[in-house]
Amino acid sequence: TGGDHTGGLTKLADKRVAIIGTGATAIQCVPFLGRYAKHLYVFQRTPSSVDLRGNRQTDPDWYKSLQPGWQRYRRENFAAVLAGENLTEDLVADGWTDIVRRIGSSLMNRRPDAGNLDMEEISLRSEIADFQKMNEIRARVDQAVAEKDTAEALKPWYRQFCKRPTFNDEYLATFNRPNVTLVDVSDSKGVERITFH
């Protein structure tokens, strides 16, 4: 029907843009700003854990096969997975449920004669599952970001839930664009001031 479907982002073609922080909002904005701005500067104090979102087109035949009430059933399934219930099917199967399924699997994969696990063993197995997931997140950075120093700066070295996990298929690759610069402000503990010229 015509019109600007970019939300006005084309007006940034001659602009230098800065975004301060790499939280959930920045993770969503950076790919678009990087595509349309003359130059984008991303100021980062602490890198986010950026996992694959896995967005894809909805299969029309699958959608037509759904029964009334499917949304509620899916929400309840999601909540049950996050609550650690032992389900045969994860209907959402996304990054949020992945870590919970990993921890649950780790707890279930014990010797039959081991008896009940004490809190120390549960904590240890949870930490191992978390470490494995964060190693995957860091490996994803290496796969997506060409420049080694930028990739190193984008790697989160903390447990998954120390900062809100994020999910985006394009964020990391945006740093391969020649018009996008990551500004690591971790040594100064953040941005001190903003001046306009």
Protein backbone atom coordinates (compact mmCIF):
# COMPACT_ATOMS: atom_id res chain seq x y z
CA THR A 1 0.00 0.00 0.00
CA GLY A 2 3.02 2.32 -0.22
CA GLY A 3 4.59 4.36 2.53
CA ASP A 4 7.76 3.98 4.57
CA HIS A 5 7.71 0.55 6.21
CA THR A 6 11.06 1.16 7.91
CA GLY A 7 9.56 3.31 10.66
CA GLY A 8 11.57 6.30 9.46
CA LEU A 9 14.94 4.54 9.78
CA THR A 10 15.89 5.67 6.25
CA LYS A 11 16.18 9.20 7.69
CA LEU A 12 19.32 8.00 9.51
CA ALA A 13 21.30 7.51 6.27
CA ASP A 14 23.41 10.64 6.89
CA LYS A 15 23.47 10.39 10.70
CA ARG A 16 25.97 9.11 13.23
CA VAL A 17 23.96 7.27 15.88
CA ALA A 18 24.98 6.07 19.33
CA ILE A 19 23.13 3.61 21.51
CA ILE A 20 24.17 3.34 25.14
CA GLY A 21 23.89 -0.10 26.68
CA THR A 22 23.42 -3.62 25.37
CA GLY A 23 20.30 -4.69 27.20
CA ALA A 24 17.22 -6.26 25.67
CA THR A 25 16.09 -3.09 23.85
CA ALA A 26 19.50 -2.49 22.27
CA ILE A 27 19.71 -6.12 21.15
CA GLN A 28 16.51 -5.55 19.15
CA CYS A 29 17.45 -2.08 17.81
CA VAL A 30 21.09 -2.53 16.82
CA PRO A 31 20.51 -4.64 13.67
CA PHE A 32 18.12 -2.02 12.27
CA LEU A 33 20.23 0.96 13.30
CA GLY A 34 23.31 -0.70 11.82
CA ARG A 35 21.50 -1.26 8.54
CA TYR A 36 20.23 2.30 8.14
CA ALA A 37 22.56 4.70 10.01
CA LYS A 38 25.61 6.25 8.37
CA HIS A 39 27.55 5.02 11.38
CA LEU A 40 26.42 3.30 14.57
CA TYR A 41 28.37 3.34 17.84
CA VAL A 42 27.27 0.77 20.41
CA PHE A 43 28.47 1.63 23.92
CA GLN A 44 28.76 -1.52 26.00
CA ARG A 45 29.65 -1.89 29.65
CA THR A 46 28.66 -5.56 30.02
CA PRO A 47 27.91 -7.82 27.05
CA SER A 48 24.56 -9.54 26.87
CA SER A 49 24.08 -13.25 26.48
CA VAL A 50 22.67 -13.34 22.94
CA ASP A 51 21.23 -16.68 21.92
CA LEU A 52 19.64 -17.68 18.65
CA ARG A 53 16.01 -16.63 18.36
CA GLY A 54 15.26 -18.95 15.46
CA ASN A 55 12.58 -16.79 13.86
CA ARG A 56 11.04 -18.35 10.79
CA GLN A 57 7.87 -18.17 8.75
CA THR A 58 4.83 -19.92 10.21
CA ASP A 59 3.82 -22.97 8.21
CA PRO A 60 0.24 -22.25 7.03
CA ASP A 61 -0.70 -25.95 7.12
CA TRP A 62 0.53 -26.27 10.70
CA TYR A 63 -1.42 -23.16 11.68
CA LYS A 64 -4.63 -24.50 10.08
CA SER A 65 -4.21 -27.76 12.02
CA LEU A 66 -4.36 -26.05 15.42
CA GLN A 67 -7.41 -26.61 17.57
CA PRO A 68 -9.27 -23.85 19.46
CA GLY A 69 -7.52 -23.08 22.76
CA TRP A 70 -4.05 -23.89 21.41
CA GLN A 71 -2.61 -20.61 22.71
CA ARG A 72 -3.60 -21.36 26.29
CA TYR A 73 -2.30 -24.93 26.07
CA ARG A 74 1.01 -23.64 24.71
CA ARG A 75 1.29 -21.00 27.50
CA GLU A 76 0.58 -23.62 30.15
CA ASN A 77 3.16 -25.96 28.61
CA PHE A 78 5.75 -23.14 28.63
CA ALA A 79 5.05 -22.36 32.29
CA ALA A 80 5.24 -26.04 33.21
CA VAL A 81 8.64 -26.43 31.52
CA LEU A 82 9.96 -23.35 33.34
CA ALA A 83 8.61 -24.74 36.61
CA GLY A 84 10.71 -27.85 36.05
CA GLU A 85 7.86 -30.28 35.51
CA ASN A 86 8.89 -33.50 33.79
CA LEU A 87 7.02 -33.19 30.47
CA THR A 88 7.31 -35.35 27.39
CA GLU A 89 6.98 -32.35 25.05
CA ASP A 90 8.24 -28.77 25.09
CA LEU A 91 5.87 -26.98 22.69
CA VAL A 92 7.86 -23.75 22.71
CA ALA A 93 11.39 -25.20 22.61
CA ASP A 94 13.12 -21.82 22.72
CA GLY A 95 16.09 -20.36 24.55
CA TRP A 96 14.07 -19.73 27.71
CA THR A 97 13.10 -23.37 28.06
CA ASP A 98 16.46 -24.73 26.89
CA ILE A 99 18.38 -24.07 30.12
CA VAL A 100 15.55 -25.47 32.26
CA ARG A 101 15.40 -28.62 30.13
CA ARG A 102 19.19 -28.98 30.39
CA ILE A 103 19.16 -28.71 34.15
CA GLY A 104 16.25 -31.15 34.39
CA SER A 105 18.02 -33.59 32.09
CA SER A 106 21.19 -33.28 34.15
CA LEU A 107 19.26 -34.12 37.31
CA MET A 108 17.49 -37.08 35.72
CA ASN A 109 20.70 -38.59 34.26
CA ARG A 110 22.04 -40.06 37.45
CA ARG A 111 22.87 -43.61 38.44
CA PRO A 112 19.78 -45.54 39.58
CA ASP A 113 21.53 -46.51 42.79
CA ALA A 114 22.55 -42.93 43.64
CA GLY A 115 19.35 -42.22 45.56
CA ASN A 116 18.06 -38.70 46.02
CA LEU A 117 20.41 -35.88 45.16
CA ASP A 118 21.32 -33.49 47.94
CA MET A 119 21.24 -29.72 47.42
CA GLU A 120 24.99 -29.57 46.83
CA GLU A 121 24.77 -32.09 43.97
CA ILE A 122 21.71 -30.33 42.48
CA SER A 123 23.57 -27.01 42.64
CA LEU A 124 26.68 -28.51 41.02
CA ARG A 125 24.71 -30.10 38.17
CA SER A 126 22.80 -26.86 37.59
CA GLU A 127 26.06 -24.95 37.44
CA ILE A 128 27.52 -27.41 34.92
CA ALA A 129 24.42 -27.12 32.71
CA ASP A 130 24.65 -23.32 32.92
CA PHE A 131 28.36 -23.39 32.06
CA GLN A 132 27.71 -25.60 29.02
CA LYS A 133 25.01 -23.23 27.79
CA MET A 134 27.20 -20.14 28.26
CA ASN A 135 30.04 -21.87 26.38
CA GLU A 136 27.61 -22.30 23.47
CA ILE A 137 26.69 -18.59 23.68
CA ARG A 138 30.37 -17.61 23.56
CA ALA A 139 31.05 -20.01 20.68
CA ARG A 140 28.16 -18.40 18.79
CA VAL A 141 29.93 -15.04 19.13
CA ASP A 142 33.08 -16.53 17.54
CA GLN A 143 31.01 -17.94 14.67
CA ALA A 144 29.13 -14.70 14.00
CA VAL A 145 31.71 -11.93 14.56
CA ALA A 146 34.72 -11.75 12.24
CA GLU A 147 36.93 -9.26 14.12
CA LYS A 148 38.60 -11.07 17.02
CA ASP A 149 38.83 -8.17 19.52
CA THR A 150 35.19 -7.26 18.93
CA ALA A 151 34.17 -10.89 19.36
CA GLU A 152 36.08 -11.14 22.64
CA ALA A 153 34.40 -7.97 23.93
CA LEU A 154 30.95 -9.35 23.04
CA LYS A 155 31.41 -12.58 25.02
CA PRO A 156 29.49 -12.77 28.32
CA TRP A 157 31.58 -14.28 31.12
CA TYR A 158 28.92 -14.80 33.77
CA ARG A 159 26.12 -17.22 34.57
CA GLN A 160 23.18 -17.10 32.20
CA PHE A 161 20.74 -15.33 34.48
CA CYS A 162 23.18 -12.73 35.91
CA LYS A 163 21.90 -10.44 33.14
CA ARG A 164 18.64 -10.94 31.28
CA PRO A 165 19.23 -13.47 28.47
CA THR A 166 18.42 -12.11 25.02
CA PHE A 167 17.60 -13.72 21.69
CA ASN A 168 18.33 -12.28 18.26
CA ASP A 169 19.40 -13.82 14.96
CA GLU A 170 21.07 -10.66 13.55
CA TYR A 171 22.59 -8.72 16.48
CA LEU A 172 26.05 -10.28 16.55
CA ALA A 173 26.56 -10.23 12.77
CA THR A 174 25.75 -6.50 12.76
CA PHE A 175 29.24 -5.90 14.20
CA ASN A 176 30.71 -7.16 10.91
CA ARG A 177 29.33 -4.09 9.14
CA PRO A 178 31.98 -1.42 8.37
CA ASN A 179 29.66 1.29 9.70
CA VAL A 180 29.19 -0.29 13.15
CA THR A 181 31.63 0.22 16.02
CA LEU A 182 31.51 -1.43 19.42
CA VAL A 183 32.76 0.93 22.13
CA ASP A 184 33.73 -1.09 25.20
CA VAL A 185 33.36 1.13 28.28
CA SER A 186 33.83 -1.64 30.86
CA ASP A 187 37.07 -0.10 32.21
CA SER A 188 35.40 3.26 32.87
CA LYS A 189 32.25 1.55 34.22
CA GLY A 190 30.02 3.25 31.67
CA VAL A 191 29.38 6.52 29.84
CA GLU A 192 30.08 9.60 31.96
CA ARG A 193 28.49 12.32 29.82
CA ILE A 194 26.88 13.09 26.48
CA THR A 195 27.73 16.22 24.49
CA PHE A 196 26.15 17.39 21.24
CA HIS A 197 28.00 19.23 18.45
